[in-house]
Amino acid sequence: MKLIQSANELQKLLDIDRAEGKTIGFVPTMGALHQGHISLIRLAQKSCDVVVVSIYVNPLQFGPEEDFEKYPRTLNEDQELLEANGTQYLFAPTVEEIYPNGTEITQRAGVVGSTFEGASRPGHFDGMLTVVNRLMELVQPNAVVFGEKDAQQVFIVKKLIGARFRDCEFIEGPTLREESGLALSSRNRFLSQEERSDAESIYHHLSQMKTQLEAGAAVSEVIAEHTKAIETAAKAKLEYLAVIDPQLFRPVDDKHRGPAKIIVAAKVGEVRLIDNLNVKAING
């Protein structure tokens, strides 16, 4: 595996691969890699001949009160993990390589970007889209892979890819979970043992919600029941718990029929966690 920090060097190497008829897969990350990331790399490897993994902690998607400085940076360990799993290129650029003209927002997430995660983290999705757009311009992949756990990010990025990179296949990787059901996350390492137990119980509430909704329970009643339960039994501070239409990323009401998605964001101690579960069909 080759570690690359220069955008020019990356593009030259990829041009050689394309000249040899190879297809390029891309997995953008912020590092602190775990098996969930490896599962995304596996999907890229199935679709393409060469895989690029980027590691870049993007300052534009962190608010002033967020954990940009504390976000885990484990480049040496990440490099070893990627090499052991057959990645050809690790792109770990500096801020200057990504934003040579300064850190200005170039992409806007629109109305959906101001809801849920966007409401909790104003400007987050504009910053995220800006860096994804820049990375896509540099890599020009045949396929890009994102993880299902970041449901709103997937929804928004998929629209960007469809509008600006139409020749690129968008692949959504399923959420990997610990045996307890807790979704794998780079932030899980900051949970104490007691906090981990509380975090695990959030997934169990999502599972109960899924069962209730598919059995025909009213959306409003299910949300109210589990909002109270998560905030008390799980000792979590909820930012949102909602049931949305996956085609629109908007909340559904009790009249909704068909597929849906349960989404949640909560702080357990000082650790902010997100998760989601698909509902096959509300009311049958």
C-alpha atoms as a PDB file:
ATOM      1  CA  MET A   1       0.000   0.000   0.000  1.00  0.00           C
ATOM      2  CA  LYS A   2       1.176   3.523  -0.795  1.00  0.00           C
ATOM      3  CA  LEU A   3       0.652   6.467   1.583  1.00  0.00           C
ATOM      4  CA  ILE A   4       0.014   9.646  -0.402  1.00  0.00           C
ATOM      5  CA  GLN A   5      -0.312  13.185   0.918  1.00  0.00           C
ATOM      6  CA  SER A   6      -0.098  15.120  -2.340  1.00  0.00           C
ATOM      7  CA  ALA A   7      -3.159  15.518  -4.551  1.00  0.00           C
ATOM      8  CA  ASN A   8      -0.939  15.753  -7.637  1.00  0.00           C
ATOM      9  CA  GLU A   9       0.813  12.485  -6.795  1.00  0.00           C
ATOM     10  CA  LEU A  10      -2.513  10.744  -6.228  1.00  0.00           C
ATOM     11  CA  GLN A  11      -3.892  11.900  -9.547  1.00  0.00           C
ATOM     12  CA  LYS A  12      -0.753  10.826 -11.447  1.00  0.00           C
ATOM     13  CA  LEU A  13      -0.909   7.333  -9.961  1.00  0.00           C
ATOM     14  CA  LEU A  14      -4.613   7.004 -10.705  1.00  0.00           C
ATOM     15  CA  ASP A  15      -4.074   8.190 -14.282  1.00  0.00           C
ATOM     16  CA  ILE A  16      -1.601   5.320 -14.732  1.00  0.00           C
ATOM     17  CA  ASP A  17      -4.151   2.839 -13.337  1.00  0.00           C
ATOM     18  CA  ARG A  18      -6.873   4.144 -15.655  1.00  0.00           C
ATOM     19  CA  ALA A  19      -4.517   3.902 -18.654  1.00  0.00           C
ATOM     20  CA  GLU A  20      -4.115   0.225 -17.753  1.00  0.00           C
ATOM     21  CA  GLY A  21      -7.896  -0.201 -17.820  1.00  0.00           C
ATOM     22  CA  LYS A  22      -8.345  -0.424 -14.065  1.00  0.00           C
ATOM     23  CA  THR A  23     -11.430   0.869 -12.285  1.00  0.00           C
ATOM     24  CA  ILE A  24     -11.140   3.029  -9.166  1.00  0.00           C
ATOM     25  CA  GLY A  25     -13.102   2.554  -5.950  1.00  0.00           C
ATOM     26  CA  PHE A  26     -13.138   5.227  -3.243  1.00  0.00           C
ATOM     27  CA  VAL A  27     -13.905   5.099   0.491  1.00  0.00           C
ATOM     28  CA  PRO A  28     -13.702   8.531   2.174  1.00  0.00           C
ATOM     29  CA  THR A  29     -13.167   8.431   5.965  1.00  0.00           C
ATOM     30  CA  MET A  30     -12.012  10.574   8.876  1.00  0.00           C
ATOM     31  CA  GLY A  31      -9.777   7.800  10.191  1.00  0.00           C
ATOM     32  CA  ALA A  32      -9.838   6.000  13.551  1.00  0.00           C
ATOM     33  CA  LEU A  33     -10.744   3.000  11.422  1.00  0.00           C
ATOM     34  CA  HIS A  34     -12.627  -0.088  12.606  1.00  0.00           C
ATOM     35  CA  GLN A  35     -14.225  -3.148  11.036  1.00  0.00           C
ATOM     36  CA  GLY A  36     -17.171  -1.077   9.822  1.00  0.00           C
ATOM     37  CA  HIS A  37     -14.775   0.828   7.579  1.00  0.00           C
ATOM     38  CA  ILE A  38     -13.170  -2.417   6.451  1.00  0.00           C
ATOM     39  CA  SER A  39     -16.590  -3.697   5.381  1.00  0.00           C
ATOM     40  CA  LEU A  40     -16.932  -0.617   3.145  1.00  0.00           C
ATOM     41  CA  ILE A  41     -13.493  -1.276   1.660  1.00  0.00           C
ATOM     42  CA  ARG A  42     -14.561  -4.856   0.925  1.00  0.00           C
ATOM     43  CA  LEU A  43     -17.539  -3.524  -1.051  1.00  0.00           C
ATOM     44  CA  ALA A  44     -15.236  -1.226  -3.036  1.00  0.00           C
ATOM     45  CA  GLN A  45     -12.878  -4.134  -3.736  1.00  0.00           C
ATOM     46  CA  LYS A  46     -15.763  -6.206  -5.097  1.00  0.00           C
ATOM     47  CA  SER A  47     -16.699  -3.455  -7.554  1.00  0.00           C
ATOM     48  CA  CYS A  48     -13.317  -2.069  -8.593  1.00  0.00           C
ATOM     49  CA  ASP A  49      -9.731  -3.045  -9.355  1.00  0.00           C
ATOM     50  CA  VAL A  50      -8.046  -0.357  -7.232  1.00  0.00           C
ATOM     51  CA  VAL A  51      -9.230   1.137  -3.932  1.00  0.00           C
ATOM     52  CA  VAL A  52      -8.380   4.567  -2.548  1.00  0.00           C
ATOM     53  CA  VAL A  53      -9.144   5.259   1.117  1.00  0.00           C
ATOM     54  CA  SER A  54      -8.901   8.854   2.263  1.00  0.00           C
ATOM     55  CA  ILE A  55      -8.306   9.887   5.858  1.00  0.00           C
ATOM     56  CA  TYR A  56      -9.054  13.529   6.467  1.00  0.00           C
ATOM     57  CA  VAL A  57     -10.602  15.131   9.544  1.00  0.00           C
ATOM     58  CA  ASN A  58     -12.494  17.936   7.875  1.00  0.00           C
ATOM     59  CA  PRO A  59     -12.592  21.170   9.915  1.00  0.00           C
ATOM     60  CA  LEU A  60     -15.520  22.546   7.907  1.00  0.00           C
ATOM     61  CA  GLN A  61     -17.981  19.983   9.278  1.00  0.00           C
ATOM     62  CA  PHE A  62     -17.273  20.640  12.960  1.00  0.00           C
ATOM     63  CA  GLY A  63     -19.052  23.434  14.834  1.00  0.00           C
ATOM     64  CA  PRO A  64     -17.290  25.685  17.372  1.00  0.00           C
ATOM     65  CA  GLU A  65     -18.565  23.607  20.307  1.00  0.00           C
ATOM     66  CA  GLU A  66     -17.795  20.229  18.710  1.00  0.00           C
ATOM     67  CA  ASP A  67     -14.943  17.781  19.116  1.00  0.00           C
ATOM     68  CA  PHE A  68     -12.657  18.606  16.161  1.00  0.00           C
ATOM     69  CA  GLU A  69      -9.530  18.712  18.316  1.00  0.00           C
ATOM     70  CA  LYS A  70     -10.568  15.626  20.283  1.00  0.00           C
ATOM     71  CA  TYR A  71     -11.589  13.565  17.253  1.00  0.00           C
ATOM     72  CA  PRO A  72      -9.362  10.433  17.323  1.00  0.00           C
ATOM     73  CA  ARG A  73      -6.387  10.545  14.981  1.00  0.00           C
ATOM     74  CA  THR A  74      -4.675   7.166  14.648  1.00  0.00           C
ATOM     75  CA  LEU A  75      -2.883   7.307  11.295  1.00  0.00           C
ATOM     76  CA  ASN A  76      -0.222   4.699  12.088  1.00  0.00           C
ATOM     77  CA  GLU A  77      -2.760   2.124  13.266  1.00  0.00           C
ATOM     78  CA  ASP A  78      -5.066   2.974  10.365  1.00  0.00           C
ATOM     79  CA  GLN A  79      -2.244   2.507   7.889  1.00  0.00           C
ATOM     80  CA  GLU A  80      -1.457  -0.952   9.275  1.00  0.00           C
ATOM     81  CA  LEU A  81      -5.124  -1.970   9.141  1.00  0.00           C
ATOM     82  CA  LEU A  82      -5.541  -0.802   5.561  1.00  0.00           C
ATOM     83  CA  GLU A  83      -2.352  -2.537   4.422  1.00  0.00           C
ATOM     84  CA  ALA A  84      -3.483  -5.781   6.044  1.00  0.00           C
ATOM     85  CA  ASN A  85      -6.758  -5.538   4.144  1.00  0.00           C
ATOM     86  CA  GLY A  86      -5.397  -5.000   0.657  1.00  0.00           C
ATOM     87  CA  THR A  87      -5.909  -1.279   0.125  1.00  0.00           C
ATOM     88  CA  GLN A  88      -3.747   0.098  -2.691  1.00  0.00           C
ATOM     89  CA  TYR A  89      -3.708   3.797  -1.775  1.00  0.00           C
ATOM     90  CA  LEU A  90      -4.133   5.711   1.472  1.00  0.00           C
ATOM     91  CA  PHE A  91      -4.688   9.398   0.752  1.00  0.00           C
ATOM     92  CA  ALA A  92      -3.987  11.443   3.900  1.00  0.00           C
ATOM     93  CA  PRO A  93      -3.779  15.053   2.714  1.00  0.00           C
ATOM     94  CA  THR A  94      -3.101  18.259   4.626  1.00  0.00           C
ATOM     95  CA  VAL A  95      -5.657  21.070   4.880  1.00  0.00           C
ATOM     96  CA  GLU A  96      -3.674  22.973   2.222  1.00  0.00           C
ATOM     97  CA  GLU A  97      -4.006  20.078  -0.234  1.00  0.00           C
ATOM     98  CA  ILE A  98      -7.766  19.894   0.202  1.00  0.00           C
ATOM     99  CA  TYR A  99      -8.419  23.626   0.445  1.00  0.00           C
ATOM    100  CA  PRO A 100      -5.635  25.370  -1.523  1.00  0.00           C
ATOM    101  CA  ASN A 101      -7.757  28.514  -1.840  1.00  0.00           C
ATOM    102  CA  GLY A 102      -8.855  28.596   1.795  1.00  0.00           C
ATOM    103  CA  THR A 103     -11.565  26.823   3.768  1.00  0.00           C
ATOM    104  CA  GLU A 104     -14.646  28.209   2.082  1.00  0.00           C
ATOM    105  CA  ILE A 105     -17.969  26.426   1.702  1.00  0.00           C
ATOM    106  CA  THR A 106     -18.589  25.553  -1.959  1.00  0.00           C
ATOM    107  CA  GLN A 107     -21.557  23.174  -1.621  1.00  0.00           C
ATOM    108  CA  ARG A 108     -24.924  23.616   0.095  1.00  0.00           C
ATOM    109  CA  ALA A 109     -27.057  20.802   1.459  1.00  0.00           C
ATOM    110  CA  GLY A 110     -30.364  22.671   1.103  1.00  0.00           C
ATOM    111  CA  VAL A 111     -33.460  22.181   3.229  1.00  0.00           C
ATOM    112  CA  VAL A 112     -32.740  18.569   4.219  1.00  0.00           C
ATOM    113  CA  GLY A 113     -29.336  19.693   5.453  1.00  0.00           C
ATOM    114  CA  SER A 114     -30.947  21.930   8.074  1.00  0.00           C
ATOM    115  CA  THR A 115     -32.990  19.159   9.720  1.00  0.00           C
ATOM    116  CA  PHE A 116     -32.076  16.496  12.314  1.00  0.00           C
ATOM    117  CA  GLU A 117     -28.251  16.333  12.185  1.00  0.00           C
ATOM    118  CA  GLY A 118     -28.252  19.710  10.458  1.00  0.00           C
ATOM    119  CA  ALA A 119     -30.402  21.260  13.170  1.00  0.00           C
ATOM    120  CA  SER A 120     -28.185  19.807  15.896  1.00  0.00           C
ATOM    121  CA  ARG A 121     -24.993  20.729  14.033  1.00  0.00           C
ATOM    122  CA  PRO A 122     -25.623  23.892  11.951  1.00  0.00           C
ATOM    123  CA  GLY A 123     -23.445  24.022   8.847  1.00  0.00           C
ATOM    124  CA  HIS A 124     -22.282  20.428   9.252  1.00  0.00           C
ATOM    125  CA  PHE A 125     -23.664  19.151   5.961  1.00  0.00           C
ATOM    126  CA  ASP A 126     -22.437  22.129   3.938  1.00  0.00           C
ATOM    127  CA  GLY A 127     -18.924  21.419   5.241  1.00  0.00           C
ATOM    128  CA  MET A 128     -19.278  17.692   4.649  1.00  0.00           C
ATOM    129  CA  LEU A 129     -20.535  18.166   1.075  1.00  0.00           C
ATOM    130  CA  THR A 130     -17.735  20.630   0.344  1.00  0.00           C
ATOM    131  CA  VAL A 131     -15.029  18.127   1.266  1.00  0.00           C
ATOM    132  CA  VAL A 132     -16.783  15.197  -0.441  1.00  0.00           C
ATOM    133  CA  ASN A 133     -17.065  17.239  -3.624  1.00  0.00           C
ATOM    134  CA  ARG A 134     -13.366  18.167  -3.450  1.00  0.00           C
ATOM    135  CA  LEU A 135     -12.277  14.573  -2.811  1.00  0.00           C
ATOM    136  CA  MET A 136     -14.469  13.285  -5.631  1.00  0.00           C
ATOM    137  CA  GLU A 137     -12.919  15.821  -8.017  1.00  0.00           C
ATOM    138  CA  LEU A 138      -9.440  14.623  -7.040  1.00  0.00           C
ATOM    139  CA  VAL A 139     -10.116  10.871  -7.165  1.00  0.00           C
ATOM    140  CA  GLN A 140     -12.721  10.711  -9.967  1.00  0.00           C
ATOM    141  CA  PRO A 141     -13.728   7.185  -8.920  1.00  0.00           C
ATOM    142  CA  ASN A 142     -15.875   4.670 -10.734  1.00  0.00           C
ATOM    143  CA  ALA A 143     -17.567   3.801  -7.426  1.00  0.00           C
ATOM    144  CA  VAL A 144     -17.766   5.471  -4.018  1.00  0.00           C
ATOM    145  CA  VAL A 145     -18.852   3.742  -0.803  1.00  0.00           C
ATOM    146  CA  PHE A 146     -20.568   5.277   2.227  1.00  0.00           C
ATOM    147  CA  GLY A 147     -21.887   3.593   5.368  1.00  0.00           C
ATOM    148  CA  GLU A 148     -25.595   3.304   6.117  1.00  0.00           C
ATOM    149  CA  LYS A 149     -25.113   4.350   9.772  1.00  0.00           C
ATOM    150  CA  ASP A 150     -24.842   7.997   8.702  1.00  0.00           C
ATOM    151  CA  ALA A 151     -28.291   7.930   7.110  1.00  0.00           C
ATOM    152  CA  GLN A 152     -28.752  11.646   6.488  1.00  0.00           C
ATOM    153  CA  GLN A 153     -25.230  11.958   5.114  1.00  0.00           C
ATOM    154  CA  VAL A 154     -25.928   9.080   2.724  1.00  0.00           C
ATOM    155  CA  PHE A 155     -29.162  10.740   1.559  1.00  0.00           C
ATOM    156  CA  ILE A 156     -27.458  14.081   0.892  1.00  0.00           C
ATOM    157  CA  VAL A 157     -24.241  12.731  -0.651  1.00  0.00           C
ATOM    158  CA  LYS A 158     -26.200  10.432  -2.959  1.00  0.00           C
ATOM    159  CA  LYS A 159     -27.893  13.510  -4.432  1.00  0.00           C
ATOM    160  CA  LEU A 160     -24.516  15.231  -4.917  1.00  0.00           C
ATOM    161  CA  ILE A 161     -23.093  12.181  -6.707  1.00  0.00           C
ATOM    162  CA  GLY A 162     -26.165  11.916  -8.911  1.00  0.00           C
ATOM    163  CA  ALA A 163     -25.957  15.581  -9.875  1.00  0.00           C
ATOM    164  CA  ARG A 164     -22.202  16.113 -10.293  1.00  0.00           C
ATOM    165  CA  PHE A 165     -20.581  12.691 -10.752  1.00  0.00           C
ATOM    166  CA  ARG A 166     -23.094  10.771 -12.816  1.00  0.00           C
ATOM    167  CA  ASP A 167     -20.622   8.160 -14.058  1.00  0.00           C
ATOM    168  CA  CYS A 168     -19.809   7.126 -10.479  1.00  0.00           C
ATOM    169  CA  GLU A 169     -21.693   4.268  -8.829  1.00  0.00           C
ATOM    170  CA  PHE A 170     -22.912   5.064  -5.300  1.00  0.00           C
ATOM    171  CA  ILE A 171     -22.675   2.056  -2.970  1.00  0.00           C
ATOM    172  CA  GLU A 172     -24.300   2.050   0.472  1.00  0.00           C
ATOM    173  CA  GLY A 173     -22.703  -0.310   2.977  1.00  0.00           C
ATOM    174  CA  PRO A 174     -24.829  -1.845   5.775  1.00  0.00           C
ATOM    175  CA  THR A 175     -24.152  -0.872   9.390  1.00  0.00           C
ATOM    176  CA  LEU A 176     -21.837  -3.223  11.245  1.00  0.00           C
ATOM    177  CA  ARG A 177     -22.704  -3.829  14.893  1.00  0.00           C
ATOM    178  CA  GLU A 178     -21.129  -5.294  17.970  1.00  0.00           C
ATOM    179  CA  GLU A 179     -22.727  -8.452  19.369  1.00  0.00           C
ATOM    180  CA  SER A 180     -24.805  -6.220  21.671  1.00  0.00           C
ATOM    181  CA  GLY A 181     -26.237  -4.357  18.686  1.00  0.00           C
ATOM    182  CA  LEU A 182     -24.228  -1.165  19.248  1.00  0.00           C
ATOM    183  CA  ALA A 183     -23.259   0.299  15.874  1.00  0.00           C
ATOM    184  CA  LEU A 184     -19.505   0.417  15.305  1.00  0.00           C
ATOM    185  CA  SER A 185     -18.236   3.982  15.613  1.00  0.00           C
ATOM    186  CA  SER A 186     -14.887   5.689  16.037  1.00  0.00           C
ATOM    187  CA  ARG A 187     -16.365   7.421  19.093  1.00  0.00           C
ATOM    188  CA  ASN A 188     -17.244   4.183  20.925  1.00  0.00           C
ATOM    189  CA  ARG A 189     -13.704   4.103  22.349  1.00  0.00           C
ATOM    190  CA  PHE A 190     -14.614   7.060  24.560  1.00  0.00           C
ATOM    191  CA  LEU A 191     -17.485   5.243  26.314  1.00  0.00           C
ATOM    192  CA  SER A 192     -16.954   4.050  29.880  1.00  0.00           C
ATOM    193  CA  GLN A 193     -18.239   0.571  30.750  1.00  0.00           C
ATOM    194  CA  GLU A 194     -21.422   1.998  32.284  1.00  0.00           C
ATOM    195  CA  GLU A 195     -21.927   4.358  29.346  1.00  0.00           C
ATOM    196  CA  ARG A 196     -21.433   1.490  26.910  1.00  0.00           C
ATOM    197  CA  SER A 197     -24.315  -0.373  28.554  1.00  0.00           C
ATOM    198  CA  ASP A 198     -26.515   2.725  28.203  1.00  0.00           C
ATOM    199  CA  ALA A 199     -25.478   3.152  24.567  1.00  0.00           C
ATOM    200  CA  GLU A 200     -26.284  -0.481  23.813  1.00  0.00           C
ATOM    201  CA  SER A 201     -29.804  -0.063  25.195  1.00  0.00           C
ATOM    202  CA  ILE A 202     -30.564   2.616  22.582  1.00  0.00           C
ATOM    203  CA  TYR A 203     -30.292   0.012  19.823  1.00  0.00           C
ATOM    204  CA  HIS A 204     -32.672  -2.268  21.708  1.00  0.00           C
ATOM    205  CA  HIS A 205     -35.227   0.549  21.843  1.00  0.00           C
ATOM    206  CA  LEU A 206     -34.861   1.076  18.095  1.00  0.00           C
ATOM    207  CA  SER A 207     -35.446  -2.645  17.562  1.00  0.00           C
ATOM    208  CA  GLN A 208     -38.595  -2.515  19.705  1.00  0.00           C
ATOM    209  CA  MET A 209     -39.814   0.511  17.741  1.00  0.00           C
ATOM    210  CA  LYS A 210     -39.277  -1.340  14.466  1.00  0.00           C
ATOM    211  CA  THR A 211     -41.301  -4.313  15.722  1.00  0.00           C
ATOM    212  CA  GLN A 212     -44.122  -2.101  16.986  1.00  0.00           C
ATOM    213  CA  LEU A 213     -44.343  -0.049  13.797  1.00  0.00           C
ATOM    214  CA  GLU A 214     -44.347  -3.092  11.537  1.00  0.00           C
ATOM    215  CA  ALA A 215     -47.139  -4.519  13.703  1.00  0.00           C
ATOM    216  CA  GLY A 216     -49.276  -1.409  13.110  1.00  0.00           C
ATOM    217  CA  ALA A 217     -48.656   0.773  16.169  1.00  0.00           C
ATOM    218  CA  ALA A 218     -49.164   4.532  15.765  1.00  0.00           C
ATOM    219  CA  VAL A 219     -45.970   6.407  14.921  1.00  0.00           C
ATOM    220  CA  SER A 220     -46.611   9.210  17.418  1.00  0.00           C
ATOM    221  CA  GLU A 221     -47.265   6.795  20.274  1.00  0.00           C
ATOM    222  CA  VAL A 222     -44.167   4.718  19.551  1.00  0.00           C
ATOM    223  CA  ILE A 223     -41.929   7.798  19.427  1.00  0.00           C
ATOM    224  CA  ALA A 224     -43.388   9.177  22.680  1.00  0.00           C
ATOM    225  CA  GLU A 225     -42.970   5.858  24.493  1.00  0.00           C
ATOM    226  CA  HIS A 226     -39.350   5.353  23.503  1.00  0.00           C
ATOM    227  CA  THR A 227     -38.318   8.974  23.883  1.00  0.00           C
ATOM    228  CA  LYS A 228     -39.203   8.708  27.550  1.00  0.00           C
ATOM    229  CA  ALA A 229     -37.605   5.264  27.888  1.00  0.00           C
ATOM    230  CA  ILE A 230     -34.305   6.256  26.261  1.00  0.00           C
ATOM    231  CA  GLU A 231     -33.961   9.388  28.359  1.00  0.00           C
ATOM    232  CA  THR A 232     -34.667   7.527  31.594  1.00  0.00           C
ATOM    233  CA  ALA A 233     -33.606   3.875  31.308  1.00  0.00           C
ATOM    234  CA  ALA A 234     -30.712   4.558  28.912  1.00  0.00           C
ATOM    235  CA  LYS A 235     -29.675   7.762  30.698  1.00  0.00           C
ATOM    236  CA  ALA A 236     -29.106   9.386  27.322  1.00  0.00           C
ATOM    237  CA  LYS A 237     -29.710  12.967  26.303  1.00  0.00           C
ATOM    238  CA  LEU A 238     -31.728  12.733  23.110  1.00  0.00           C
ATOM    239  CA  GLU A 239     -31.177  15.262  20.350  1.00  0.00           C
ATOM    240  CA  TYR A 240     -33.792  13.647  18.132  1.00  0.00           C
ATOM    241  CA  LEU A 241     -35.739  10.418  17.738  1.00  0.00           C
ATOM    242  CA  ALA A 242     -37.855  10.320  14.594  1.00  0.00           C
ATOM    243  CA  VAL A 243     -39.472   8.114  11.987  1.00  0.00           C
ATOM    244  CA  ILE A 244     -38.884   9.414   8.481  1.00  0.00           C
ATOM    245  CA  ASP A 245     -39.782   8.664   4.879  1.00  0.00           C
ATOM    246  CA  PRO A 246     -36.481   7.391   3.402  1.00  0.00           C
ATOM    247  CA  GLN A 247     -37.312   8.836  -0.021  1.00  0.00           C
ATOM    248  CA  LEU A 248     -37.763  12.381   1.312  1.00  0.00           C
ATOM    249  CA  PHE A 249     -35.951  12.338   4.659  1.00  0.00           C
ATOM    250  CA  ARG A 250     -38.964  13.977   6.275  1.00  0.00           C
ATOM    251  CA  PRO A 251     -40.916  12.865   9.358  1.00  0.00           C
ATOM    252  CA  VAL A 252     -43.968  10.682   8.764  1.00  0.00           C
ATOM    253  CA  ASP A 253     -47.245  10.891  10.636  1.00  0.00           C
ATOM    254  CA  ASP A 254     -49.727   8.276  11.820  1.00  0.00           C
ATOM    255  CA  LYS A 255     -51.282   8.104   8.330  1.00  0.00           C
ATOM    256  CA  HIS A 256     -48.064   6.953   6.677  1.00  0.00           C
ATOM    257  CA  ARG A 257     -48.056   3.596   4.934  1.00  0.00           C
ATOM    258  CA  GLY A 258     -45.037   1.805   3.519  1.00  0.00           C
ATOM    259  CA  PRO A 259     -41.284   1.807   4.223  1.00  0.00           C
ATOM    260  CA  ALA A 260     -39.772   4.106   6.831  1.00  0.00           C
ATOM    261  CA  LYS A 261     -36.557   4.652   8.758  1.00  0.00           C
ATOM    262  CA  ILE A 262     -36.074   5.253  12.481  1.00  0.00           C
ATOM    263  CA  ILE A 263     -33.269   7.733  13.192  1.00  0.00           C
ATOM    264  CA  VAL A 264     -31.726   8.773  16.496  1.00  0.00           C
ATOM    265  CA  ALA A 265     -28.987  10.998  17.885  1.00  0.00           C
ATOM    266  CA  ALA A 266     -28.147  11.014  21.580  1.00  0.00           C
ATOM    267  CA  LYS A 267     -25.344  11.882  23.932  1.00  0.00           C
ATOM    268  CA  VAL A 268     -24.282   9.212  26.383  1.00  0.00           C
ATOM    269  CA  GLY A 269     -22.008  10.962  28.831  1.00  0.00           C
ATOM    270  CA  GLU A 270     -19.920  13.180  26.564  1.00  0.00           C
ATOM    271  CA  VAL A 271     -20.115  10.826  23.565  1.00  0.00           C
ATOM    272  CA  ARG A 272     -22.497  11.704  20.757  1.00  0.00           C
ATOM    273  CA  LEU A 273     -23.899   8.668  18.944  1.00  0.00           C
ATOM    274  CA  ILE A 274     -26.178   8.258  15.937  1.00  0.00           C
ATOM    275  CA  ASP A 275     -27.978   5.198  14.611  1.00  0.00           C
ATOM    276  CA  ASN A 276     -30.900   4.147  12.441  1.00  0.00           C
ATOM    277  CA  LEU A 277     -33.017   1.131  11.537  1.00  0.00           C
ATOM    278  CA  ASN A 278     -35.106   0.451   8.461  1.00  0.00           C
ATOM    279  CA  VAL A 279     -38.793  -0.357   8.855  1.00  0.00           C
ATOM    280  CA  LYS A 280     -40.058  -2.633   6.077  1.00  0.00           C
ATOM    281  CA  ALA A 281     -43.560  -1.175   6.160  1.00  0.00           C
ATOM    282  CA  ILE A 282     -45.591   0.758   8.696  1.00  0.00           C
ATOM    283  CA  ASN A 283     -49.070  -0.697   9.228  1.00  0.00           C
ATOM    284  CA  GLY A 284     -48.320  -3.820   7.235  1.00  0.00           C
END
